[in-house]
C-alpha atoms as a PDB file:
ATOM      1  CA  MET A   1      69.483  57.742  37.488  1.00  0.00           C
ATOM      2  CA  ASP A   2      68.989  53.891  37.161  1.00  0.00           C
ATOM      3  CA  ARG A   3      65.996  51.733  36.092  1.00  0.00           C
ATOM      4  CA  LYS A   4      66.427  50.119  39.862  1.00  0.00           C
ATOM      5  CA  ARG A   5      66.605  53.175  41.746  1.00  0.00           C
ATOM      6  CA  LEU A   6      63.777  54.521  39.834  1.00  0.00           C
ATOM      7  CA  ALA A   7      61.637  51.575  40.565  1.00  0.00           C
ATOM      8  CA  SER A   8      62.617  51.682  44.028  1.00  0.00           C
ATOM      9  CA  ASP A   9      61.737  55.610  44.327  1.00  0.00           C
ATOM     10  CA  ALA A  10      58.361  55.200  42.564  1.00  0.00           C
ATOM     11  CA  CYS A  11      56.985  51.956  45.131  1.00  0.00           C
ATOM     12  CA  LYS A  12      58.041  53.469  48.203  1.00  0.00           C
ATOM     13  CA  LEU A  13      55.753  54.495  50.826  1.00  0.00           C
ATOM     14  CA  LEU A  14      55.095  58.183  51.288  1.00  0.00           C
ATOM     15  CA  LYS A  15      54.468  59.605  54.360  1.00  0.00           C
ATOM     16  CA  PRO A  16      50.246  60.334  54.519  1.00  0.00           C
ATOM     17  CA  MET A  17      48.882  63.830  55.207  1.00  0.00           C
ATOM     18  CA  SER A  18      48.267  62.817  58.388  1.00  0.00           C
ATOM     19  CA  ARG A  19      51.709  63.167  59.527  1.00  0.00           C
ATOM     20  CA  PHE A  20      51.811  59.491  60.738  1.00  0.00           C
ATOM     21  CA  SER A  21      54.303  56.922  59.720  1.00  0.00           C
ATOM     22  CA  THR A  22      53.011  53.911  57.586  1.00  0.00           C
ATOM     23  CA  ASP A  23      53.645  51.703  60.354  1.00  0.00           C
ATOM     24  CA  GLU A  24      52.145  53.887  62.950  1.00  0.00           C
ATOM     25  CA  ILE A  25      48.691  54.095  60.842  1.00  0.00           C
ATOM     26  CA  VAL A  26      48.703  50.408  60.746  1.00  0.00           C
ATOM     27  CA  LEU A  27      49.153  50.143  64.316  1.00  0.00           C
ATOM     28  CA  LYS A  28      45.935  52.290  64.950  1.00  0.00           C
ATOM     29  CA  TYR A  29      43.444  50.629  63.089  1.00  0.00           C
ATOM     30  CA  ALA A  30      44.915  47.132  63.722  1.00  0.00           C
ATOM     31  CA  GLU A  31      43.912  47.893  67.391  1.00  0.00           C
ATOM     32  CA  LEU A  32      40.628  49.424  66.635  1.00  0.00           C
ATOM     33  CA  GLY A  33      37.030  47.334  66.112  1.00  0.00           C
ATOM     34  CA  ASP A  34      34.930  47.679  63.410  1.00  0.00           C
ATOM     35  CA  LEU A  35      37.127  48.558  60.659  1.00  0.00           C
ATOM     36  CA  ASN A  36      34.769  49.444  57.796  1.00  0.00           C
ATOM     37  CA  ARG A  37      33.502  52.103  60.117  1.00  0.00           C
ATOM     38  CA  GLN A  38      36.419  53.133  62.044  1.00  0.00           C
ATOM     39  CA  ILE A  39      38.506  53.356  58.868  1.00  0.00           C
ATOM     40  CA  LEU A  40      36.515  56.628  57.349  1.00  0.00           C
ATOM     41  CA  ARG A  41      37.316  58.601  60.129  1.00  0.00           C
ATOM     42  CA  ASN A  42      40.651  59.977  58.787  1.00  0.00           C
ATOM     43  CA  PRO A  43      41.055  60.505  54.833  1.00  0.00           C
ATOM     44  CA  ARG A  44      43.923  61.653  55.612  1.00  0.00           C
ATOM     45  CA  ASP A  45      45.598  58.567  56.642  1.00  0.00           C
ATOM     46  CA  PHE A  46      45.052  57.392  52.936  1.00  0.00           C
ATOM     47  CA  THR A  47      46.167  60.599  51.108  1.00  0.00           C
ATOM     48  CA  ASN A  48      50.018  61.505  50.809  1.00  0.00           C
ATOM     49  CA  GLU A  49      52.204  64.776  49.024  1.00  0.00           C
ATOM     50  CA  PHE A  50      51.648  63.242  45.606  1.00  0.00           C
ATOM     51  CA  TRP A  51      48.019  63.408  45.176  1.00  0.00           C
ATOM     52  CA  VAL A  52      47.895  66.949  47.405  1.00  0.00           C
ATOM     53  CA  LYS A  53      49.899  67.999  44.025  1.00  0.00           C
ATOM     54  CA  PHE A  54      48.639  66.499  41.142  1.00  0.00           C
ATOM     55  CA  GLU A  55      44.768  65.784  41.674  1.00  0.00           C
ATOM     56  CA  LYS A  56      42.270  67.993  40.561  1.00  0.00           C
ATOM     57  CA  TYR A  57      38.705  68.262  40.049  1.00  0.00           C
ATOM     58  CA  GLY A  58      36.452  68.917  36.943  1.00  0.00           C
ATOM     59  CA  TYR A  59      33.554  68.320  35.184  1.00  0.00           C
ATOM     60  CA  VAL A  60      32.182  66.226  32.468  1.00  0.00           C
ATOM     61  CA  GLU A  61      28.256  66.287  31.245  1.00  0.00           C
ATOM     62  CA  GLU A  62      28.038  68.339  34.406  1.00  0.00           C
ATOM     63  CA  LYS A  63      29.632  65.194  36.458  1.00  0.00           C
ATOM     64  CA  ARG A  64      32.095  66.118  38.832  1.00  0.00           C
ATOM     65  CA  LEU A  65      35.118  63.820  38.624  1.00  0.00           C
ATOM     66  CA  ARG A  66      38.627  63.644  39.974  1.00  0.00           C
ATOM     67  CA  VAL A  67      41.352  63.152  37.903  1.00  0.00           C
ATOM     68  CA  CYS A  68      45.021  63.138  38.798  1.00  0.00           C
ATOM     69  CA  GLN A  69      47.398  65.044  35.608  1.00  0.00           C
ATOM     70  CA  ASN A  70      50.480  66.612  34.859  1.00  0.00           C
ATOM     71  CA  LEU A  71      49.739  67.736  31.867  1.00  0.00           C
ATOM     72  CA  THR A  72      49.610  71.212  32.986  1.00  0.00           C
ATOM     73  CA  GLU A  73      53.188  71.593  32.612  1.00  0.00           C
ATOM     74  CA  GLN A  74      55.105  70.726  29.426  1.00  0.00           C
ATOM     75  CA  HIS A  75      56.362  67.009  28.798  1.00  0.00           C
ATOM     76  CA  GLY A  76      57.776  66.993  25.882  1.00  0.00           C
ATOM     77  CA  ASN A  77      56.408  65.424  22.919  1.00  0.00           C
ATOM     78  CA  GLY A  78      55.928  61.989  24.158  1.00  0.00           C
ATOM     79  CA  PRO A  79      52.639  60.460  24.412  1.00  0.00           C
ATOM     80  CA  VAL A  80      50.092  60.920  27.054  1.00  0.00           C
ATOM     81  CA  PHE A  81      50.055  57.822  29.289  1.00  0.00           C
ATOM     82  CA  VAL A  82      45.761  57.485  29.982  1.00  0.00           C
ATOM     83  CA  PHE A  83      45.152  55.376  32.740  1.00  0.00           C
ATOM     84  CA  ILE A  84      40.943  53.622  33.656  1.00  0.00           C
ATOM     85  CA  HIS A  85      40.538  51.611  36.441  1.00  0.00           C
ATOM     86  CA  GLY A  86      37.764  48.522  36.703  1.00  0.00           C
ATOM     87  CA  LEU A  87      34.914  48.111  38.660  1.00  0.00           C
ATOM     88  CA  GLY A  88      34.844  49.220  42.114  1.00  0.00           C
ATOM     89  CA  GLY A  89      38.615  50.587  41.648  1.00  0.00           C
ATOM     90  CA  ASN A  90      40.008  54.118  41.686  1.00  0.00           C
ATOM     91  CA  MET A  91      42.761  55.792  40.333  1.00  0.00           C
ATOM     92  CA  THR A  92      45.238  55.727  43.361  1.00  0.00           C
ATOM     93  CA  GLN A  93      45.321  51.990  42.857  1.00  0.00           C
ATOM     94  CA  PHE A  94      47.955  52.861  40.353  1.00  0.00           C
ATOM     95  CA  GLU A  95      50.400  55.128  42.442  1.00  0.00           C
ATOM     96  CA  PRO A  96      53.710  53.480  41.248  1.00  0.00           C
ATOM     97  CA  LEU A  97      52.809  54.066  37.854  1.00  0.00           C
ATOM     98  CA  LEU A  98      51.850  57.423  37.869  1.00  0.00           C
ATOM     99  CA  ARG A  99      55.324  58.354  40.553  1.00  0.00           C
ATOM    100  CA  LEU A 100      57.275  56.649  37.845  1.00  0.00           C
ATOM    101  CA  LEU A 101      56.302  58.916  34.882  1.00  0.00           C
ATOM    102  CA  ALA A 102      55.993  61.943  37.445  1.00  0.00           C
ATOM    103  CA  GLU A 103      60.130  61.158  38.302  1.00  0.00           C
ATOM    104  CA  LEU A 104      60.817  60.492  34.269  1.00  0.00           C
ATOM    105  CA  ASN A 105      58.775  64.033  33.230  1.00  0.00           C
ATOM    106  CA  GLU A 106      56.115  61.737  31.146  1.00  0.00           C
ATOM    107  CA  GLY A 107      52.820  62.912  30.921  1.00  0.00           C
ATOM    108  CA  PHE A 108      50.088  61.184  32.539  1.00  0.00           C
ATOM    109  CA  LEU A 109      45.901  61.501  33.132  1.00  0.00           C
ATOM    110  CA  ALA A 110      43.863  58.968  35.417  1.00  0.00           C
ATOM    111  CA  LEU A 111      40.115  59.428  36.555  1.00  0.00           C
ATOM    112  CA  ASP A 112      38.015  58.287  38.987  1.00  0.00           C
ATOM    113  CA  LEU A 113      35.496  56.209  36.901  1.00  0.00           C
ATOM    114  CA  PRO A 114      31.852  58.033  37.571  1.00  0.00           C
ATOM    115  CA  GLY A 115      30.433  56.161  40.453  1.00  0.00           C
ATOM    116  CA  PHE A 116      33.790  55.027  42.009  1.00  0.00           C
ATOM    117  CA  GLY A 117      35.932  56.722  44.169  1.00  0.00           C
ATOM    118  CA  TYR A 118      35.510  60.824  44.698  1.00  0.00           C
ATOM    119  CA  SER A 119      33.721  60.869  41.492  1.00  0.00           C
ATOM    120  CA  ASP A 120      30.058  61.582  40.946  1.00  0.00           C
ATOM    121  CA  GLU A 121      27.607  58.817  40.434  1.00  0.00           C
ATOM    122  CA  MET A 122      25.471  58.676  36.949  1.00  0.00           C
ATOM    123  CA  THR A 123      21.964  56.992  36.947  1.00  0.00           C
ATOM    124  CA  GLU A 124      23.094  54.063  34.293  1.00  0.00           C
ATOM    125  CA  TYR A 125      26.312  53.306  32.819  1.00  0.00           C
ATOM    126  CA  ASP A 126      26.350  52.002  29.517  1.00  0.00           C
ATOM    127  CA  ILE A 127      29.962  51.280  28.959  1.00  0.00           C
ATOM    128  CA  ALA A 128      30.043  53.159  25.842  1.00  0.00           C
ATOM    129  CA  THR A 129      29.102  56.045  27.251  1.00  0.00           C
ATOM    130  CA  VAL A 130      31.836  55.440  30.295  1.00  0.00           C
ATOM    131  CA  ALA A 131      34.224  55.244  27.439  1.00  0.00           C
ATOM    132  CA  GLY A 132      33.143  58.575  26.068  1.00  0.00           C
ATOM    133  CA  ILE A 133      33.461  60.421  29.019  1.00  0.00           C
ATOM    134  CA  VAL A 134      36.914  59.181  29.510  1.00  0.00           C
ATOM    135  CA  GLU A 135      37.617  60.444  26.060  1.00  0.00           C
ATOM    136  CA  LYS A 136      36.040  63.970  26.918  1.00  0.00           C
ATOM    137  CA  THR A 137      38.349  64.020  29.904  1.00  0.00           C
ATOM    138  CA  VAL A 138      41.256  63.565  27.982  1.00  0.00           C
ATOM    139  CA  GLN A 139      40.393  66.442  25.205  1.00  0.00           C
ATOM    140  CA  ILE A 140      39.345  68.875  28.471  1.00  0.00           C
ATOM    141  CA  HIS A 141      43.315  67.950  29.619  1.00  0.00           C
ATOM    142  CA  THR A 142      45.461  67.752  26.565  1.00  0.00           C
ATOM    143  CA  GLN A 143      45.208  69.273  22.909  1.00  0.00           C
ATOM    144  CA  ARG A 144      48.199  66.099  22.083  1.00  0.00           C
ATOM    145  CA  LYS A 145      46.969  62.831  20.710  1.00  0.00           C
ATOM    146  CA  LYS A 146      49.622  60.401  21.120  1.00  0.00           C
ATOM    147  CA  LEU A 147      48.450  58.009  23.517  1.00  0.00           C
ATOM    148  CA  VAL A 148      49.100  55.101  25.528  1.00  0.00           C
ATOM    149  CA  LEU A 149      46.119  53.340  27.143  1.00  0.00           C
ATOM    150  CA  VAL A 150      46.555  51.690  30.362  1.00  0.00           C
ATOM    151  CA  GLY A 151      43.509  49.406  31.612  1.00  0.00           C
ATOM    152  CA  HIS A 152      43.158  47.481  35.010  1.00  0.00           C
ATOM    153  CA  SER A 153      40.282  44.603  34.998  1.00  0.00           C
ATOM    154  CA  LEU A 154      37.248  45.620  33.567  1.00  0.00           C
ATOM    155  CA  GLY A 155      38.996  49.073  32.747  1.00  0.00           C
ATOM    156  CA  CYS A 156      40.317  46.926  30.032  1.00  0.00           C
ATOM    157  CA  HIS A 157      37.020  46.524  28.110  1.00  0.00           C
ATOM    158  CA  ILE A 158      36.793  50.194  28.435  1.00  0.00           C
ATOM    159  CA  VAL A 159      40.035  50.631  26.450  1.00  0.00           C
ATOM    160  CA  MET A 160      38.906  48.241  24.143  1.00  0.00           C
ATOM    161  CA  HIS A 161      35.759  50.257  23.903  1.00  0.00           C
ATOM    162  CA  PHE A 162      37.852  53.544  23.495  1.00  0.00           C
ATOM    163  CA  ILE A 163      39.862  52.547  20.832  1.00  0.00           C
ATOM    164  CA  SER A 164      36.698  51.224  19.139  1.00  0.00           C
ATOM    165  CA  GLU A 165      35.037  54.593  19.287  1.00  0.00           C
ATOM    166  CA  PHE A 166      37.633  57.450  19.071  1.00  0.00           C
ATOM    167  CA  ALA A 167      41.065  55.564  17.370  1.00  0.00           C
ATOM    168  CA  SER A 168      40.470  57.606  14.571  1.00  0.00           C
ATOM    169  CA  ASN A 169      40.801  60.993  16.389  1.00  0.00           C
ATOM    170  CA  TYR A 170      43.927  59.577  18.152  1.00  0.00           C
ATOM    171  CA  ASP A 171      47.348  58.500  17.525  1.00  0.00           C
ATOM    172  CA  ILE A 172      47.261  55.459  20.140  1.00  0.00           C
ATOM    173  CA  ARG A 173      50.642  53.984  20.256  1.00  0.00           C
ATOM    174  CA  ASP A 174      50.453  51.418  22.634  1.00  0.00           C
ATOM    175  CA  ALA A 175      47.878  49.843  24.945  1.00  0.00           C
ATOM    176  CA  VAL A 176      48.323  47.987  28.248  1.00  0.00           C
ATOM    177  CA  PHE A 177      45.924  45.491  30.015  1.00  0.00           C
ATOM    178  CA  LEU A 178      46.442  44.642  33.501  1.00  0.00           C
ATOM    179  CA  SER A 179      44.570  41.824  34.847  1.00  0.00           C
ATOM    180  CA  PRO A 180      42.123  41.930  32.274  1.00  0.00           C
ATOM    181  CA  ALA A 181      38.687  40.423  32.385  1.00  0.00           C
ATOM    182  CA  ALA A 182      37.435  37.835  29.700  1.00  0.00           C
ATOM    183  CA  PRO A 183      37.111  39.158  26.489  1.00  0.00           C
ATOM    184  CA  ASP A 184      33.893  38.087  26.313  1.00  0.00           C
ATOM    185  CA  LEU A 185      31.647  38.150  29.093  1.00  0.00           C
ATOM    186  CA  PRO A 186      28.024  36.697  27.896  1.00  0.00           C
ATOM    187  CA  GLN A 187      27.211  35.527  31.409  1.00  0.00           C
ATOM    188  CA  LEU A 188      26.085  39.087  32.124  1.00  0.00           C
ATOM    189  CA  LYS A 189      23.766  38.858  29.580  1.00  0.00           C
ATOM    190  CA  SER A 190      22.167  35.590  30.702  1.00  0.00           C
ATOM    191  CA  LEU A 191      18.050  35.689  31.996  1.00  0.00           C
ATOM    192  CA  MET A 192      19.198  35.065  34.917  1.00  0.00           C
ATOM    193  CA  ALA A 193      21.974  37.171  35.164  1.00  0.00           C
ATOM    194  CA  SER A 194      19.894  39.997  34.071  1.00  0.00           C
ATOM    195  CA  ILE A 195      16.711  39.619  36.357  1.00  0.00           C
ATOM    196  CA  GLY A 196      19.045  39.038  39.503  1.00  0.00           C
ATOM    197  CA  LEU A 197      21.104  42.793  38.430  1.00  0.00           C
ATOM    198  CA  TRP A 198      17.298  44.209  37.589  1.00  0.00           C
ATOM    199  CA  VAL A 199      16.232  43.025  41.174  1.00  0.00           C
ATOM    200  CA  LEU A 200      19.540  44.428  43.003  1.00  0.00           C
ATOM    201  CA  ALA A 201      19.210  47.295  40.655  1.00  0.00           C
ATOM    202  CA  LYS A 202      15.885  47.938  42.206  1.00  0.00           C
ATOM    203  CA  VAL A 203      16.762  47.553  46.066  1.00  0.00           C
ATOM    204  CA  PRO A 204      20.417  48.202  45.977  1.00  0.00           C
ATOM    205  CA  VAL A 205      20.493  48.345  50.137  1.00  0.00           C
ATOM    206  CA  LEU A 206      20.039  44.042  49.602  1.00  0.00           C
ATOM    207  CA  PHE A 207      23.559  44.102  48.314  1.00  0.00           C
ATOM    208  CA  ASP A 208      24.727  46.892  50.141  1.00  0.00           C
ATOM    209  CA  TRP A 209      23.722  45.235  53.359  1.00  0.00           C
ATOM    210  CA  TYR A 210      25.636  41.773  52.622  1.00  0.00           C
ATOM    211  CA  ARG A 211      28.387  43.944  51.790  1.00  0.00           C
ATOM    212  CA  THR A 212      28.654  45.972  54.828  1.00  0.00           C
ATOM    213  CA  TYR A 213      26.918  43.515  57.723  1.00  0.00           C
ATOM    214  CA  PHE A 214      28.670  40.303  56.246  1.00  0.00           C
ATOM    215  CA  ASP A 215      31.604  40.927  53.674  1.00  0.00           C
ATOM    216  CA  GLN A 216      33.179  44.536  54.708  1.00  0.00           C
ATOM    217  CA  LYS A 217      32.570  43.572  59.021  1.00  0.00           C
ATOM    218  CA  LYS A 218      35.676  41.069  58.398  1.00  0.00           C
ATOM    219  CA  GLY A 219      37.880  44.087  57.518  1.00  0.00           C
ATOM    220  CA  LEU A 220      41.177  42.986  55.680  1.00  0.00           C
ATOM    221  CA  GLU A 221      39.904  39.490  55.792  1.00  0.00           C
ATOM    222  CA  SER A 222      37.006  40.474  53.598  1.00  0.00           C
ATOM    223  CA  SER A 223      36.862  39.100  49.810  1.00  0.00           C
ATOM    224  CA  GLY A 224      37.723  42.326  48.554  1.00  0.00           C
ATOM    225  CA  ILE A 225      40.816  42.261  50.140  1.00  0.00           C
ATOM    226  CA  LYS A 226      41.732  38.855  50.075  1.00  0.00           C
ATOM    227  CA  LYS A 227      41.056  38.076  46.748  1.00  0.00           C
ATOM    228  CA  PHE A 228      43.001  41.349  45.393  1.00  0.00           C
ATOM    229  CA  HIS A 229      46.289  41.060  47.610  1.00  0.00           C
ATOM    230  CA  HIS A 230      48.744  37.958  47.812  1.00  0.00           C
ATOM    231  CA  LYS A 231      51.686  39.615  49.441  1.00  0.00           C
ATOM    232  CA  SER A 232      50.438  43.481  49.643  1.00  0.00           C
ATOM    233  CA  ASP A 233      51.724  45.346  52.719  1.00  0.00           C
ATOM    234  CA  THR A 234      49.057  45.687  55.342  1.00  0.00           C
ATOM    235  CA  TYR A 235      49.230  49.564  54.887  1.00  0.00           C
ATOM    236  CA  ARG A 236      48.249  49.081  51.004  1.00  0.00           C
ATOM    237  CA  LYS A 237      45.626  46.687  51.982  1.00  0.00           C
ATOM    238  CA  LEU A 238      43.965  49.609  54.458  1.00  0.00           C
ATOM    239  CA  TRP A 239      44.470  52.040  51.915  1.00  0.00           C
ATOM    240  CA  GLN A 240      42.129  49.932  49.242  1.00  0.00           C
ATOM    241  CA  PHE A 241      39.626  48.954  51.891  1.00  0.00           C
ATOM    242  CA  PHE A 242      39.217  52.258  52.810  1.00  0.00           C
ATOM    243  CA  TYR A 243      37.841  53.326  49.423  1.00  0.00           C
ATOM    244  CA  ASN A 244      36.079  49.324  49.229  1.00  0.00           C
ATOM    245  CA  VAL A 245      33.681  50.501  52.449  1.00  0.00           C
ATOM    246  CA  GLN A 246      32.412  53.770  50.376  1.00  0.00           C
ATOM    247  CA  ILE A 247      31.774  52.394  46.981  1.00  0.00           C
ATOM    248  CA  LYS A 248      28.094  52.256  46.259  1.00  0.00           C
ATOM    249  CA  SER A 249      26.240  49.095  45.123  1.00  0.00           C
ATOM    250  CA  ARG A 250      24.187  51.074  42.952  1.00  0.00           C
ATOM    251  CA  SER A 251      27.247  51.914  40.931  1.00  0.00           C
ATOM    252  CA  ILE A 252      28.489  48.169  40.963  1.00  0.00           C
ATOM    253  CA  ILE A 253      25.217  46.653  39.796  1.00  0.00           C
ATOM    254  CA  GLN A 254      24.871  49.261  36.854  1.00  0.00           C
ATOM    255  CA  TYR A 255      28.218  48.952  35.225  1.00  0.00           C
ATOM    256  CA  LEU A 256      27.514  45.345  35.358  1.00  0.00           C
ATOM    257  CA  ARG A 257      23.866  45.691  33.514  1.00  0.00           C
ATOM    258  CA  GLY A 258      25.827  48.731  31.132  1.00  0.00           C
ATOM    259  CA  TRP A 259      28.391  46.272  30.200  1.00  0.00           C
ATOM    260  CA  THR A 260      28.573  45.743  26.421  1.00  0.00           C
ATOM    261  CA  PRO A 261      30.452  43.031  24.425  1.00  0.00           C
ATOM    262  CA  ILE A 262      33.382  44.629  22.457  1.00  0.00           C
ATOM    263  CA  ASN A 263      33.828  44.414  18.877  1.00  0.00           C
ATOM    264  CA  TRP A 264      36.746  42.375  17.963  1.00  0.00           C
ATOM    265  CA  SER A 265      36.598  41.957  14.740  1.00  0.00           C
ATOM    266  CA  SER A 266      36.932  45.960  14.034  1.00  0.00           C
ATOM    267  CA  ASP A 267      39.575  47.613  11.741  1.00  0.00           C
ATOM    268  CA  THR A 268      40.670  49.613  14.787  1.00  0.00           C
ATOM    269  CA  VAL A 269      41.863  46.724  16.823  1.00  0.00           C
ATOM    270  CA  ALA A 270      43.618  45.494  14.126  1.00  0.00           C
ATOM    271  CA  GLY A 271      45.056  48.722  13.413  1.00  0.00           C
ATOM    272  CA  LEU A 272      46.646  48.931  17.100  1.00  0.00           C
ATOM    273  CA  ALA A 273      50.532  48.799  16.959  1.00  0.00           C
ATOM    274  CA  SER A 274      51.154  47.511  20.231  1.00  0.00           C
ATOM    275  CA  ALA A 275      49.792  45.591  23.309  1.00  0.00           C
ATOM    276  CA  VAL A 276      50.812  43.918  26.316  1.00  0.00           C
ATOM    277  CA  VAL A 277      49.323  42.147  28.586  1.00  0.00           C
ATOM    278  CA  ILE A 278      50.454  41.589  32.462  1.00  0.00           C
ATOM    279  CA  THR A 279      48.366  39.659  35.038  1.00  0.00           C
ATOM    280  CA  GLY A 280      49.348  37.887  38.503  1.00  0.00           C
ATOM    281  CA  LYS A 281      49.524  34.343  38.507  1.00  0.00           C
ATOM    282  CA  LEU A 282      47.683  33.748  41.844  1.00  0.00           C
ATOM    283  CA  ASP A 283      44.929  36.232  40.378  1.00  0.00           C
ATOM    284  CA  PRO A 284      41.350  34.516  41.345  1.00  0.00           C
ATOM    285  CA  ILE A 285      39.549  37.342  39.502  1.00  0.00           C
ATOM    286  CA  THR A 286      40.827  37.676  36.404  1.00  0.00           C
ATOM    287  CA  PRO A 287      42.270  34.005  36.873  1.00  0.00           C
ATOM    288  CA  LEU A 288      45.483  33.253  34.595  1.00  0.00           C
ATOM    289  CA  SER A 289      43.618  31.635  31.669  1.00  0.00           C
ATOM    290  CA  THR A 290      41.389  34.557  31.501  1.00  0.00           C
ATOM    291  CA  ALA A 291      43.921  36.728  30.587  1.00  0.00           C
ATOM    292  CA  LYS A 292      45.514  34.503  28.287  1.00  0.00           C
ATOM    293  CA  SER A 293      42.148  34.388  26.744  1.00  0.00           C
ATOM    294  CA  PHE A 294      42.173  38.308  26.551  1.00  0.00           C
ATOM    295  CA  TYR A 295      45.425  37.842  24.812  1.00  0.00           C
ATOM    296  CA  ALA A 296      44.248  35.353  22.465  1.00  0.00           C
ATOM    297  CA  ALA A 297      41.951  37.843  21.200  1.00  0.00           C
ATOM    298  CA  LEU A 298      44.333  40.632  20.379  1.00  0.00           C
ATOM    299  CA  ASP A 299      45.507  38.238  17.923  1.00  0.00           C
ATOM    300  CA  PRO A 300      45.408  41.076  14.997  1.00  0.00           C
ATOM    301  CA  VAL A 301      47.436  43.730  16.969  1.00  0.00           C
ATOM    302  CA  ARG A 302      51.027  43.650  15.164  1.00  0.00           C
ATOM    303  CA  ARG A 303      53.463  43.255  18.181  1.00  0.00           C
ATOM    304  CA  LYS A 304      52.140  41.758  21.570  1.00  0.00           C
ATOM    305  CA  ASP A 305      53.452  40.538  24.640  1.00  0.00           C
ATOM    306  CA  PHE A 306      52.320  38.267  27.283  1.00  0.00           C
ATOM    307  CA  ILE A 307      53.728  38.914  30.810  1.00  0.00           C
ATOM    308  CA  GLU A 308      53.148  36.220  34.236  1.00  0.00           C
ATOM    309  CA  ILE A 309      53.944  37.978  37.588  1.00  0.00           C
ATOM    310  CA  GLU A 310      54.910  35.164  39.788  1.00  0.00           C
ATOM    311  CA  GLU A 311      53.145  35.433  43.447  1.00  0.00           C
ATOM    312  CA  CYS A 312      50.956  38.230  42.304  1.00  0.00           C
ATOM    313  CA  SER A 313      46.938  38.383  42.709  1.00  0.00           C
ATOM    314  CA  HIS A 314      44.626  41.054  41.117  1.00  0.00           C
ATOM    315  CA  ASN A 315      45.204  44.349  42.546  1.00  0.00           C
ATOM    316  CA  ILE A 316      48.540  43.925  40.266  1.00  0.00           C
ATOM    317  CA  CYS A 317      49.778  47.701  41.447  1.00  0.00           C
ATOM    318  CA  PHE A 318      49.589  46.984  45.265  1.00  0.00           C
ATOM    319  CA  ASP A 319      50.726  43.913  45.317  1.00  0.00           C
ATOM    320  CA  SER A 320      53.618  43.528  43.088  1.00  0.00           C
ATOM    321  CA  PRO A 321      54.656  47.276  42.625  1.00  0.00           C
ATOM    322  CA  ASN A 322      58.647  46.479  41.686  1.00  0.00           C
ATOM    323  CA  GLN A 323      57.664  43.594  39.464  1.00  0.00           C
ATOM    324  CA  ILE A 324      54.834  45.792  37.605  1.00  0.00           C
ATOM    325  CA  VAL A 325      56.786  49.184  37.735  1.00  0.00           C
ATOM    326  CA  SER A 326      59.936  47.095  35.987  1.00  0.00           C
ATOM    327  CA  HIS A 327      57.643  45.980  33.501  1.00  0.00           C
ATOM    328  CA  PHE A 328      55.892  49.290  32.736  1.00  0.00           C
ATOM    329  CA  LEU A 329      59.564  50.875  32.020  1.00  0.00           C
ATOM    330  CA  ASP A 330      60.130  48.825  29.191  1.00  0.00           C
ATOM    331  CA  VAL A 331      56.664  50.103  27.618  1.00  0.00           C
ATOM    332  CA  ILE A 332      58.109  53.648  28.333  1.00  0.00           C
ATOM    333  CA  ASP A 333      61.352  53.339  26.839  1.00  0.00           C
ATOM    334  CA  ARG A 334      59.316  51.742  23.401  1.00  0.00           C
ATOM    335  CA  HIS A 335      58.198  55.339  23.142  1.00  0.00           C
ATOM    336  CA  GLY A 336      61.205  57.730  24.713  1.00  0.00           C
END
């Protein structure tokens, strides 16, 4: 199968399990008011045969996690592609890349991080602890040591903590950073931020109230959609909005409180053989300058690439699926 056909098939919208077409679902929600409440009425509008086949649930440290993996089948001797989403994200945002890997019979593992998607919450979210949960999830699902790590946004920081803590246990062949956050976020540890996050942690209902009655009440015009998408089709925006309204404010707050800096000078960072940063030029969440500063921090890496995608915002796999799949094919080819 040629590359264009592979990319096209991986990006094509699948028919939802509700058996309505995506166009019918878009029309249905366009005619409903109070979208942030109405959209939760039929979850089958926002799942499809791919997720039914590959999503599973398991426990790590007594927390129930949703994962997506094809590792119960044999997938040759290539690396396992491990996907880590960002703040407020979930594993379904990687669907085009996961479907591409499934079509190529390459092994993959994605998960909803604790507190997001359909995974259980935790009390606190120290980022190193979260990286440890990712590593335990890898251990549970495969004995293979060759990995390609893929992070999105703040998930890129979790990838770096994974590398710093566990590189000696694995053969990490590559790291793919999608729309990465800045290499350092000292503002999260400033006095004002610490006080503000402490207050919100005590009364997260304040943030819930703002999100529900001011932001999400705008539906697809809410900040969580407008800032994440530039040209996505309406169905993909609805898909993300369906997950956005289920995010617990306390999880967002505690992840921000649990952020810790990356040790960019560690030998494990320098030992990373290959890395690629892919970012949208119109991303207001992690702007182009931010992605470039993250790329600059990867200077010790032996081989690295920086790719800008035109007309693309923060949810890179939904906003420009064909372009990201095409670039991801190049990463796969390096390890074929």
